[in-house]
Amino acid sequence: MIERGLARRITVVGFDVDGVLTDGGVYLGLVADHAAEFKRFHVPDGLGLKMLQWAGLHVVIVSGRVSEATTLRARELGIPDVIQDDGAQKLPALERWLEARHLTLAQCAFVGDDLPDVPVLRRVALPIAVRNACAEVKALATVVTEAEGGKGAAREAAELILKARGTWNERVEAYLTERGDAAERTIPAR
């Protein structure tokens, strides 16, 4: 459970990619004699990231690998803020991104799963680990998701933050209304 005051102080939610937005697997091969990389992203996770954006939070993707698949997924979701550091220097890269926007780590939540995420998780206000994270990441987490990375963990983290802020039901109703559901009945909270 996330404390309401903490959730309301969060203005940035960062997500690792491999092992958080994906199941951690990477498919490598050749397509027409060109190297190709494929990743499997979880569609409900994507909607969770969009719900955070629609609620006015900054969503930033922070990866320790440079990947065109990550760039493509971020573009598809309308997430302009993608940090890909092939040296897995996530903390300094995130700090530079925050500084450029006059934001701080005290305003951040971050969802991670493995050792490259530890420096960030040690410093953010709300460290979140996915269910299948390594022990070092789980030990730092305020929250450990029930879902595994690439299988709903990002969506769960988004819901937990928005529910703690008291805005989840409002976002769901807005989402449904924008898609033509003008029903007056409210969706029951889980």
N, C-alpha and C. Protein backbone atom coordinates (compact mmCIF):
# COMPACT_ATOMS: atom_id res chain seq x y z
N MET A 1 0.84 -1.18 0.00
CA MET A 1 0.00 0.00 0.00
C MET A 1 0.89 1.24 0.00
N ILE A 2 0.50 2.21 -0.78
CA ILE A 2 1.24 3.47 -0.88
C ILE A 2 0.49 4.53 -0.09
N GLU A 3 1.22 5.25 0.76
CA GLU A 3 0.64 6.31 1.57
C GLU A 3 0.19 7.46 0.67
N ARG A 4 -0.99 7.98 0.93
CA ARG A 4 -1.62 9.00 0.08
C ARG A 4 -0.73 10.25 -0.09
N GLY A 5 -0.16 10.75 1.00
CA GLY A 5 0.69 11.94 0.92
C GLY A 5 1.88 11.72 0.01
N LEU A 6 2.51 10.56 0.12
CA LEU A 6 3.64 10.22 -0.74
C LEU A 6 3.19 10.17 -2.20
N ALA A 7 2.09 9.50 -2.45
CA ALA A 7 1.59 9.37 -3.82
C ALA A 7 1.30 10.74 -4.43
N ARG A 8 0.81 11.66 -3.65
CA ARG A 8 0.50 13.00 -4.16
C ARG A 8 1.76 13.83 -4.43
N ARG A 9 2.86 13.49 -3.79
CA ARG A 9 4.13 14.20 -4.05
C ARG A 9 4.82 13.70 -5.32
N ILE A 10 4.42 12.53 -5.79
CA ILE A 10 5.03 11.95 -6.98
C ILE A 10 4.54 12.70 -8.22
N THR A 11 5.47 13.20 -9.01
CA THR A 11 5.14 13.85 -10.28
C THR A 11 5.78 13.14 -11.47
N VAL A 12 6.72 12.22 -11.18
CA VAL A 12 7.44 11.48 -12.21
C VAL A 12 7.40 10.00 -11.85
N VAL A 13 7.06 9.17 -12.83
CA VAL A 13 7.12 7.72 -12.63
C VAL A 13 8.03 7.15 -13.71
N GLY A 14 9.13 6.56 -13.27
CA GLY A 14 10.09 5.96 -14.19
C GLY A 14 9.93 4.45 -14.24
N PHE A 15 10.20 3.91 -15.40
CA PHE A 15 10.08 2.47 -15.61
C PHE A 15 11.33 1.95 -16.32
N ASP A 16 11.90 0.89 -15.76
CA ASP A 16 12.91 0.12 -16.47
C ASP A 16 12.20 -0.59 -17.62
N VAL A 17 12.94 -1.11 -18.57
CA VAL A 17 12.34 -1.79 -19.71
C VAL A 17 12.45 -3.31 -19.56
N ASP A 18 13.64 -3.85 -19.76
CA ASP A 18 13.82 -5.30 -19.76
C ASP A 18 13.60 -5.86 -18.36
N GLY A 19 12.57 -6.66 -18.21
CA GLY A 19 12.23 -7.23 -16.92
C GLY A 19 11.13 -6.48 -16.19
N VAL A 20 10.76 -5.31 -16.69
CA VAL A 20 9.65 -4.53 -16.10
C VAL A 20 8.56 -4.33 -17.15
N LEU A 21 8.88 -3.64 -18.25
CA LEU A 21 7.91 -3.46 -19.33
C LEU A 21 7.89 -4.67 -20.26
N THR A 22 8.92 -5.52 -20.15
CA THR A 22 8.94 -6.79 -20.88
C THR A 22 9.22 -7.90 -19.88
N ASP A 23 9.14 -9.13 -20.34
CA ASP A 23 9.44 -10.26 -19.45
C ASP A 23 10.94 -10.49 -19.30
N GLY A 24 11.74 -9.62 -19.88
CA GLY A 24 13.19 -9.74 -19.78
C GLY A 24 13.83 -10.48 -20.94
N GLY A 25 13.02 -11.09 -21.76
CA GLY A 25 13.56 -11.80 -22.92
C GLY A 25 13.82 -10.86 -24.07
N VAL A 26 14.85 -11.15 -24.85
CA VAL A 26 15.17 -10.38 -26.05
C VAL A 26 15.35 -11.38 -27.18
N TYR A 27 14.67 -11.13 -28.29
CA TYR A 27 14.79 -11.97 -29.46
C TYR A 27 15.74 -11.29 -30.44
N LEU A 28 16.83 -11.95 -30.78
CA LEU A 28 17.81 -11.41 -31.71
C LEU A 28 17.88 -12.30 -32.94
N GLY A 29 18.05 -11.66 -34.07
CA GLY A 29 18.15 -12.43 -35.30
C GLY A 29 18.47 -11.55 -36.48
N LEU A 30 18.36 -12.11 -37.66
CA LEU A 30 18.61 -11.38 -38.90
C LEU A 30 17.32 -11.31 -39.70
N VAL A 31 17.06 -10.13 -40.24
CA VAL A 31 15.94 -9.93 -41.15
C VAL A 31 16.53 -9.26 -42.38
N ALA A 32 16.50 -9.95 -43.50
CA ALA A 32 17.08 -9.43 -44.74
C ALA A 32 18.53 -9.00 -44.52
N ASP A 33 19.29 -9.84 -43.84
CA ASP A 33 20.71 -9.59 -43.55
C ASP A 33 20.98 -8.40 -42.65
N HIS A 34 19.98 -7.93 -41.93
CA HIS A 34 20.15 -6.85 -40.96
C HIS A 34 19.81 -7.39 -39.58
N ALA A 35 20.61 -6.99 -38.60
CA ALA A 35 20.34 -7.41 -37.23
C ALA A 35 18.98 -6.86 -36.80
N ALA A 36 18.23 -7.67 -36.10
CA ALA A 36 16.91 -7.25 -35.61
C ALA A 36 16.74 -7.72 -34.17
N GLU A 37 16.11 -6.86 -33.37
CA GLU A 37 15.82 -7.18 -31.98
C GLU A 37 14.33 -7.02 -31.77
N PHE A 38 13.73 -7.98 -31.11
CA PHE A 38 12.31 -7.92 -30.81
C PHE A 38 12.10 -8.10 -29.32
N LYS A 39 11.13 -7.38 -28.79
CA LYS A 39 10.76 -7.50 -27.39
C LYS A 39 9.25 -7.64 -27.34
N ARG A 40 8.76 -8.34 -26.34
CA ARG A 40 7.33 -8.52 -26.13
C ARG A 40 6.89 -7.58 -25.01
N PHE A 41 6.05 -6.61 -25.37
CA PHE A 41 5.50 -5.68 -24.39
C PHE A 41 4.07 -6.09 -24.05
N HIS A 42 3.65 -5.81 -22.85
CA HIS A 42 2.33 -6.17 -22.33
C HIS A 42 1.36 -5.01 -22.56
N VAL A 43 0.32 -5.23 -23.34
CA VAL A 43 -0.59 -4.15 -23.72
C VAL A 43 -1.24 -3.46 -22.51
N PRO A 44 -1.76 -4.20 -21.51
CA PRO A 44 -2.33 -3.50 -20.34
C PRO A 44 -1.31 -2.63 -19.60
N ASP A 45 -0.03 -3.00 -19.62
CA ASP A 45 1.00 -2.14 -19.04
C ASP A 45 1.01 -0.79 -19.76
N GLY A 46 0.91 -0.84 -21.08
CA GLY A 46 0.90 0.39 -21.87
C GLY A 46 -0.24 1.31 -21.49
N LEU A 47 -1.42 0.74 -21.26
CA LEU A 47 -2.56 1.56 -20.85
C LEU A 47 -2.31 2.15 -19.46
N GLY A 48 -1.65 1.40 -18.60
CA GLY A 48 -1.31 1.94 -17.29
C GLY A 48 -0.41 3.16 -17.40
N LEU A 49 0.58 3.10 -18.30
CA LEU A 49 1.46 4.24 -18.51
C LEU A 49 0.69 5.44 -19.07
N LYS A 50 -0.25 5.16 -19.98
CA LYS A 50 -1.08 6.24 -20.52
C LYS A 50 -1.96 6.86 -19.42
N MET A 51 -2.50 6.03 -18.54
CA MET A 51 -3.34 6.55 -17.44
C MET A 51 -2.53 7.49 -16.56
N LEU A 52 -1.27 7.16 -16.29
CA LEU A 52 -0.40 8.06 -15.52
C LEU A 52 -0.24 9.39 -16.25
N GLN A 53 0.01 9.33 -17.55
CA GLN A 53 0.16 10.55 -18.33
C GLN A 53 -1.13 11.38 -18.29
N TRP A 54 -2.26 10.74 -18.49
CA TRP A 54 -3.53 11.46 -18.50
C TRP A 54 -3.85 12.07 -17.14
N ALA A 55 -3.26 11.51 -16.10
CA ALA A 55 -3.45 12.06 -14.75
C ALA A 55 -2.47 13.21 -14.49
N GLY A 56 -1.64 13.53 -15.48
CA GLY A 56 -0.73 14.66 -15.35
C GLY A 56 0.65 14.34 -14.83
N LEU A 57 0.99 13.07 -14.72
CA LEU A 57 2.32 12.69 -14.26
C LEU A 57 3.26 12.52 -15.46
N HIS A 58 4.53 12.79 -15.24
CA HIS A 58 5.55 12.53 -16.26
C HIS A 58 5.88 11.04 -16.21
N VAL A 59 5.89 10.40 -17.36
CA VAL A 59 6.34 9.02 -17.45
C VAL A 59 7.65 9.03 -18.21
N VAL A 60 8.66 8.41 -17.63
CA VAL A 60 9.97 8.34 -18.26
C VAL A 60 10.43 6.89 -18.28
N ILE A 61 10.90 6.47 -19.43
CA ILE A 61 11.44 5.12 -19.59
C ILE A 61 12.95 5.22 -19.45
N VAL A 62 13.52 4.38 -18.58
CA VAL A 62 14.96 4.42 -18.30
C VAL A 62 15.52 3.01 -18.49
N SER A 63 16.35 2.86 -19.51
CA SER A 63 16.89 1.54 -19.82
C SER A 63 18.41 1.57 -19.85
N GLY A 64 18.99 0.47 -19.45
CA GLY A 64 20.43 0.30 -19.51
C GLY A 64 20.90 -0.29 -20.83
N ARG A 65 20.00 -0.36 -21.78
CA ARG A 65 20.32 -0.86 -23.12
C ARG A 65 19.72 0.09 -24.14
N VAL A 66 20.41 0.29 -25.24
CA VAL A 66 19.86 1.05 -26.35
C VAL A 66 19.15 0.06 -27.26
N SER A 67 17.88 0.33 -27.52
CA SER A 67 17.08 -0.62 -28.30
C SER A 67 16.05 0.13 -29.13
N GLU A 68 16.04 -0.17 -30.40
CA GLU A 68 15.05 0.43 -31.30
C GLU A 68 13.64 -0.03 -30.93
N ALA A 69 13.52 -1.25 -30.40
CA ALA A 69 12.21 -1.75 -29.98
C ALA A 69 11.65 -0.89 -28.84
N THR A 70 12.51 -0.47 -27.92
CA THR A 70 12.08 0.40 -26.83
C THR A 70 11.65 1.76 -27.37
N THR A 71 12.44 2.31 -28.27
CA THR A 71 12.10 3.59 -28.89
C THR A 71 10.75 3.52 -29.59
N LEU A 72 10.54 2.44 -30.32
CA LEU A 72 9.28 2.25 -31.05
C LEU A 72 8.10 2.15 -30.09
N ARG A 73 8.24 1.39 -29.00
CA ARG A 73 7.15 1.25 -28.03
C ARG A 73 6.84 2.58 -27.35
N ALA A 74 7.87 3.33 -27.00
CA ALA A 74 7.65 4.64 -26.37
C ALA A 74 6.93 5.58 -27.34
N ARG A 75 7.34 5.57 -28.58
CA ARG A 75 6.68 6.42 -29.59
C ARG A 75 5.22 6.02 -29.74
N GLU A 76 4.97 4.72 -29.79
CA GLU A 76 3.60 4.22 -29.92
C GLU A 76 2.72 4.69 -28.76
N LEU A 77 3.29 4.77 -27.56
CA LEU A 77 2.54 5.20 -26.37
C LEU A 77 2.54 6.72 -26.18
N GLY A 78 3.24 7.44 -27.05
CA GLY A 78 3.31 8.89 -26.91
C GLY A 78 4.14 9.33 -25.73
N ILE A 79 5.16 8.54 -25.40
CA ILE A 79 6.06 8.87 -24.29
C ILE A 79 7.33 9.47 -24.89
N PRO A 80 7.50 10.79 -24.76
CA PRO A 80 8.66 11.42 -25.37
C PRO A 80 9.95 11.24 -24.58
N ASP A 81 9.83 10.88 -23.32
CA ASP A 81 10.98 10.85 -22.43
C ASP A 81 11.51 9.43 -22.28
N VAL A 82 12.54 9.14 -23.07
CA VAL A 82 13.16 7.82 -23.09
C VAL A 82 14.66 8.01 -22.88
N ILE A 83 15.17 7.42 -21.82
CA ILE A 83 16.59 7.46 -21.53
C ILE A 83 17.13 6.06 -21.76
N GLN A 84 18.05 5.93 -22.71
CA GLN A 84 18.68 4.65 -22.99
C GLN A 84 20.18 4.83 -22.87
N ASP A 85 20.76 4.27 -21.83
CA ASP A 85 22.19 4.43 -21.56
C ASP A 85 22.84 3.06 -21.67
N ASP A 86 23.59 2.85 -22.74
CA ASP A 86 24.16 1.53 -22.96
C ASP A 86 25.21 1.13 -21.94
N GLY A 87 25.58 2.04 -21.05
CA GLY A 87 26.48 1.69 -19.96
C GLY A 87 25.73 1.39 -18.67
N ALA A 88 24.40 1.39 -18.75
CA ALA A 88 23.53 1.13 -17.60
C ALA A 88 23.82 2.11 -16.45
N GLN A 89 24.16 3.34 -16.79
CA GLN A 89 24.37 4.40 -15.81
C GLN A 89 23.05 5.15 -15.64
N LYS A 90 22.07 4.49 -15.10
CA LYS A 90 20.71 5.03 -15.04
C LYS A 90 20.57 6.23 -14.12
N LEU A 91 21.20 6.19 -12.95
CA LEU A 91 21.03 7.29 -12.00
C LEU A 91 21.54 8.62 -12.55
N PRO A 92 22.78 8.71 -13.03
CA PRO A 92 23.22 10.00 -13.56
C PRO A 92 22.38 10.46 -14.75
N ALA A 93 21.97 9.53 -15.60
CA ALA A 93 21.15 9.89 -16.76
C ALA A 93 19.79 10.43 -16.31
N LEU A 94 19.17 9.78 -15.33
CA LEU A 94 17.88 10.26 -14.81
C LEU A 94 18.05 11.60 -14.11
N GLU A 95 19.12 11.76 -13.35
CA GLU A 95 19.36 13.04 -12.66
C GLU A 95 19.49 14.19 -13.66
N ARG A 96 20.19 13.96 -14.77
CA ARG A 96 20.31 15.00 -15.80
C ARG A 96 18.95 15.34 -16.40
N TRP A 97 18.15 14.30 -16.66
CA TRP A 97 16.81 14.51 -17.22
C TRP A 97 15.96 15.34 -16.24
N LEU A 98 16.00 14.99 -14.96
CA LEU A 98 15.24 15.72 -13.94
C LEU A 98 15.71 17.16 -13.82
N GLU A 99 17.02 17.34 -13.76
CA GLU A 99 17.58 18.69 -13.61
C GLU A 99 17.13 19.60 -14.75
N ALA A 100 17.10 19.08 -15.96
CA ALA A 100 16.68 19.87 -17.12
C ALA A 100 15.22 20.31 -17.01
N ARG A 101 14.44 19.62 -16.20
CA ARG A 101 13.02 19.93 -16.03
C ARG A 101 12.71 20.54 -14.66
N HIS A 102 13.77 20.84 -13.92
CA HIS A 102 13.63 21.43 -12.58
C HIS A 102 12.81 20.51 -11.66
N LEU A 103 13.09 19.22 -11.75
CA LEU A 103 12.46 18.21 -10.92
C LEU A 103 13.53 17.52 -10.09
N THR A 104 13.12 16.75 -9.08
CA THR A 104 14.08 16.07 -8.21
C THR A 104 13.69 14.61 -8.02
N LEU A 105 14.64 13.84 -7.52
CA LEU A 105 14.38 12.43 -7.21
C LEU A 105 13.33 12.29 -6.11
N ALA A 106 13.16 13.31 -5.28
CA ALA A 106 12.15 13.29 -4.22
C ALA A 106 10.74 13.32 -4.79
N GLN A 107 10.61 13.60 -6.07
CA GLN A 107 9.30 13.63 -6.73
C GLN A 107 9.06 12.37 -7.58
N CYS A 108 9.97 11.41 -7.48
CA CYS A 108 9.95 10.25 -8.39
C CYS A 108 9.55 8.95 -7.73
N ALA A 109 8.82 8.16 -8.51
CA ALA A 109 8.66 6.74 -8.27
C ALA A 109 9.45 6.05 -9.37
N PHE A 110 9.94 4.86 -9.10
CA PHE A 110 10.65 4.11 -10.13
C PHE A 110 10.35 2.64 -9.95
N VAL A 111 10.10 1.96 -11.09
CA VAL A 111 9.79 0.54 -11.08
C VAL A 111 10.97 -0.21 -11.70
N GLY A 112 11.58 -1.10 -10.92
CA GLY A 112 12.76 -1.81 -11.39
C GLY A 112 12.72 -3.29 -11.04
N ASP A 113 13.74 -3.99 -11.53
CA ASP A 113 13.79 -5.44 -11.31
C ASP A 113 15.17 -6.01 -11.05
N ASP A 114 16.24 -5.29 -11.43
CA ASP A 114 17.56 -5.92 -11.36
C ASP A 114 18.62 -4.93 -10.90
N LEU A 115 19.83 -5.41 -10.74
CA LEU A 115 20.92 -4.64 -10.16
C LEU A 115 21.16 -3.26 -10.80
N PRO A 116 21.03 -3.10 -12.14
CA PRO A 116 21.22 -1.76 -12.70
C PRO A 116 20.22 -0.73 -12.17
N ASP A 117 19.12 -1.19 -11.59
CA ASP A 117 18.11 -0.28 -11.06
C ASP A 117 18.39 0.15 -9.61
N VAL A 118 19.28 -0.54 -8.93
CA VAL A 118 19.53 -0.28 -7.51
C VAL A 118 19.92 1.17 -7.22
N PRO A 119 20.86 1.78 -7.95
CA PRO A 119 21.20 3.16 -7.63
C PRO A 119 20.01 4.12 -7.69
N VAL A 120 19.13 3.92 -8.66
CA VAL A 120 17.94 4.77 -8.78
C VAL A 120 16.98 4.47 -7.64
N LEU A 121 16.73 3.21 -7.37
CA LEU A 121 15.78 2.82 -6.32
C LEU A 121 16.22 3.31 -4.94
N ARG A 122 17.53 3.39 -4.72
CA ARG A 122 18.04 3.89 -3.44
C ARG A 122 17.73 5.37 -3.24
N ARG A 123 17.50 6.11 -4.32
CA ARG A 123 17.40 7.56 -4.23
C ARG A 123 15.99 8.13 -4.45
N VAL A 124 15.11 7.39 -5.12
CA VAL A 124 13.77 7.94 -5.40
C VAL A 124 12.89 7.88 -4.16
N ALA A 125 11.83 8.67 -4.19
CA ALA A 125 10.90 8.71 -3.07
C ALA A 125 10.07 7.44 -2.95
N LEU A 126 9.75 6.82 -4.09
CA LEU A 126 8.90 5.64 -4.08
C LEU A 126 9.52 4.54 -4.94
N PRO A 127 10.35 3.67 -4.34
CA PRO A 127 10.92 2.55 -5.08
C PRO A 127 9.94 1.38 -5.16
N ILE A 128 9.75 0.88 -6.37
CA ILE A 128 8.81 -0.22 -6.60
C ILE A 128 9.56 -1.34 -7.30
N ALA A 129 9.36 -2.57 -6.83
CA ALA A 129 9.97 -3.75 -7.46
C ALA A 129 8.87 -4.61 -8.05
N VAL A 130 9.17 -5.25 -9.18
CA VAL A 130 8.25 -6.22 -9.74
C VAL A 130 8.43 -7.54 -8.98
N ARG A 131 7.42 -8.37 -9.05
CA ARG A 131 7.40 -9.63 -8.30
C ARG A 131 8.65 -10.48 -8.50
N ASN A 132 9.14 -10.54 -9.73
CA ASN A 132 10.27 -11.41 -10.03
C ASN A 132 11.60 -10.65 -10.00
N ALA A 133 11.65 -9.54 -9.28
CA ALA A 133 12.90 -8.78 -9.13
C ALA A 133 13.90 -9.57 -8.29
N CYS A 134 15.16 -9.20 -8.43
CA CYS A 134 16.19 -9.83 -7.61
C CYS A 134 16.06 -9.37 -6.16
N ALA A 135 16.65 -10.11 -5.26
CA ALA A 135 16.52 -9.85 -3.82
C ALA A 135 16.98 -8.45 -3.44
N GLU A 136 18.05 -7.96 -4.06
CA GLU A 136 18.57 -6.63 -3.73
C GLU A 136 17.57 -5.53 -4.07
N VAL A 137 16.84 -5.69 -5.15
CA VAL A 137 15.82 -4.72 -5.55
C VAL A 137 14.61 -4.80 -4.62
N LYS A 138 14.17 -6.00 -4.33
CA LYS A 138 13.03 -6.17 -3.43
C LYS A 138 13.31 -5.58 -2.05
N ALA A 139 14.55 -5.71 -1.59
CA ALA A 139 14.92 -5.19 -0.26
C ALA A 139 14.79 -3.67 -0.19
N LEU A 140 14.92 -2.99 -1.31
CA LEU A 140 14.83 -1.53 -1.36
C LEU A 140 13.41 -1.02 -1.58
N ALA A 141 12.52 -1.89 -2.02
CA ALA A 141 11.20 -1.48 -2.47
C ALA A 141 10.24 -1.15 -1.34
N THR A 142 9.51 -0.09 -1.52
CA THR A 142 8.37 0.24 -0.66
C THR A 142 7.21 -0.67 -1.01
N VAL A 143 7.11 -1.00 -2.30
CA VAL A 143 6.05 -1.86 -2.81
C VAL A 143 6.66 -2.91 -3.74
N VAL A 144 6.20 -4.15 -3.62
CA VAL A 144 6.54 -5.21 -4.56
C VAL A 144 5.23 -5.62 -5.23
N THR A 145 5.20 -5.57 -6.55
CA THR A 145 3.96 -5.89 -7.26
C THR A 145 3.64 -7.38 -7.15
N GLU A 146 2.39 -7.71 -7.30
CA GLU A 146 1.97 -9.11 -7.35
C GLU A 146 2.26 -9.69 -8.73
N ALA A 147 2.21 -8.84 -9.75
CA ALA A 147 2.46 -9.28 -11.13
C ALA A 147 3.96 -9.26 -11.42
N GLU A 148 4.35 -10.11 -12.33
CA GLU A 148 5.75 -10.15 -12.78
C GLU A 148 5.98 -9.11 -13.86
N GLY A 149 7.24 -8.78 -14.05
CA GLY A 149 7.62 -7.86 -15.11
C GLY A 149 7.18 -8.38 -16.47
N GLY A 150 6.64 -7.48 -17.29
CA GLY A 150 6.16 -7.85 -18.61
C GLY A 150 4.85 -8.58 -18.60
N LYS A 151 4.26 -8.72 -17.42
CA LYS A 151 3.00 -9.46 -17.29
C LYS A 151 2.02 -8.71 -16.39
N GLY A 152 2.05 -7.38 -16.48
CA GLY A 152 1.08 -6.57 -15.72
C GLY A 152 1.66 -5.80 -14.56
N ALA A 153 2.94 -5.91 -14.29
CA ALA A 153 3.54 -5.22 -13.14
C ALA A 153 3.50 -3.70 -13.31
N ALA A 154 3.77 -3.21 -14.52
CA ALA A 154 3.74 -1.76 -14.75
C ALA A 154 2.32 -1.22 -14.60
N ARG A 155 1.36 -1.95 -15.09
CA ARG A 155 -0.04 -1.55 -14.94
C ARG A 155 -0.42 -1.51 -13.46
N GLU A 156 0.00 -2.54 -12.72
CA GLU A 156 -0.29 -2.61 -11.29
C GLU A 156 0.34 -1.42 -10.56
N ALA A 157 1.57 -1.09 -10.88
CA ALA A 157 2.24 0.06 -10.25
C ALA A 157 1.48 1.35 -10.55
N ALA A 158 1.07 1.52 -11.80
CA ALA A 158 0.31 2.72 -12.18
C ALA A 158 -0.99 2.80 -11.39
N GLU A 159 -1.70 1.69 -11.32
CA GLU A 159 -2.96 1.68 -10.56
C GLU A 159 -2.73 1.98 -9.09
N LEU A 160 -1.70 1.39 -8.49
CA LEU A 160 -1.42 1.63 -7.08
C LEU A 160 -1.17 3.11 -6.81
N ILE A 161 -0.39 3.74 -7.68
CA ILE A 161 -0.08 5.17 -7.50
C ILE A 161 -1.34 6.01 -7.67
N LEU A 162 -2.10 5.76 -8.73
CA LEU A 162 -3.30 6.56 -8.98
C LEU A 162 -4.39 6.32 -7.95
N LYS A 163 -4.51 5.09 -7.47
CA LYS A 163 -5.49 4.82 -6.41
C LYS A 163 -5.09 5.51 -5.12
N ALA A 164 -3.80 5.50 -4.80
CA ALA A 164 -3.33 6.18 -3.59
C ALA A 164 -3.55 7.69 -3.69
N ARG A 165 -3.45 8.22 -4.90
CA ARG A 165 -3.70 9.65 -5.12
C ARG A 165 -5.20 9.97 -5.10
N GLY A 166 -6.02 8.93 -5.20
CA GLY A 166 -7.46 9.11 -5.22
C GLY A 166 -8.00 9.50 -6.59
N THR A 167 -7.25 9.18 -7.66
CA THR A 167 -7.66 9.61 -9.00
C THR A 167 -7.92 8.46 -9.98
N TRP A 168 -7.75 7.22 -9.54
CA TRP A 168 -7.91 6.09 -10.47
C TRP A 168 -9.32 6.02 -11.04
N ASN A 169 -10.35 6.03 -10.20
CA ASN A 169 -11.72 5.90 -10.70
C ASN A 169 -12.08 7.03 -11.65
N GLU A 170 -11.63 8.23 -11.34
CA GLU A 170 -11.87 9.39 -12.21
C GLU A 170 -11.22 9.18 -13.57
N ARG A 171 -10.00 8.66 -13.60
CA ARG A 171 -9.30 8.40 -14.86
C ARG A 171 -10.00 7.31 -15.66
N VAL A 172 -10.46 6.26 -14.98
CA VAL A 172 -11.17 5.18 -15.68
C VAL A 172 -12.45 5.73 -16.30
N GLU A 173 -13.21 6.49 -15.55
CA GLU A 173 -14.47 7.05 -16.08
C GLU A 173 -14.18 7.97 -17.26
N ALA A 174 -13.16 8.80 -17.17
CA ALA A 174 -12.80 9.69 -18.28
C ALA A 174 -12.41 8.87 -19.51
N TYR A 175 -11.64 7.81 -19.29
CA TYR A 175 -11.22 6.94 -20.39
C TYR A 175 -12.44 6.34 -21.09
N LEU A 176 -13.37 5.82 -20.31
CA LEU A 176 -14.56 5.19 -20.89
C LEU A 176 -15.46 6.21 -21.59
N THR A 177 -15.61 7.37 -20.99
CA THR A 177 -16.44 8.41 -21.59
C THR A 177 -15.85 8.85 -22.93
N GLU A 178 -14.53 9.00 -22.99
CA GLU A 178 -13.88 9.41 -24.23
C GLU A 178 -14.05 8.37 -25.33
N ARG A 179 -14.34 7.15 -24.97
CA ARG A 179 -14.52 6.08 -25.94
C ARG A 179 -15.98 5.78 -26.20
N GLY A 180 -16.85 6.69 -25.79
CA GLY A 180 -18.26 6.58 -26.13
C GLY A 180 -19.14 5.93 -25.09
N ASP A 181 -18.60 5.56 -23.94
CA ASP A 181 -19.41 4.96 -22.88
C ASP A 181 -19.90 6.07 -21.97
N ALA A 182 -21.14 6.48 -22.17
CA ALA A 182 -21.70 7.58 -21.39
C ALA A 182 -22.55 7.06 -20.24
N ALA A 183 -22.35 5.81 -19.86
CA ALA A 183 -23.14 5.23 -18.77
C ALA A 183 -22.93 6.01 -17.49
N GLU A 184 -23.95 6.10 -16.70
CA GLU A 184 -23.87 6.83 -15.45
C GLU A 184 -23.43 5.94 -14.29
N ARG A 185 -23.37 4.66 -14.54
CA ARG A 185 -22.97 3.73 -13.49
C ARG A 185 -21.46 3.77 -13.29
N THR A 186 -21.01 3.84 -12.07
CA THR A 186 -19.60 3.89 -11.75
C THR A 186 -19.06 2.47 -11.62
N ILE A 187 -17.84 2.30 -12.06
CA ILE A 187 -17.17 1.00 -11.93
C ILE A 187 -16.78 0.83 -10.47
N PRO A 188 -17.13 -0.30 -9.87
CA PRO A 188 -16.79 -0.50 -8.46
C PRO A 188 -15.27 -0.58 -8.26
N ALA A 189 -14.81 -0.01 -7.17
CA ALA A 189 -13.38 -0.09 -6.84
C ALA A 189 -13.04 -1.51 -6.41
N ARG A 190 -11.83 -1.93 -6.73
CA ARG A 190 -11.38 -3.27 -6.32
C ARG A 190 -10.82 -3.21 -4.94
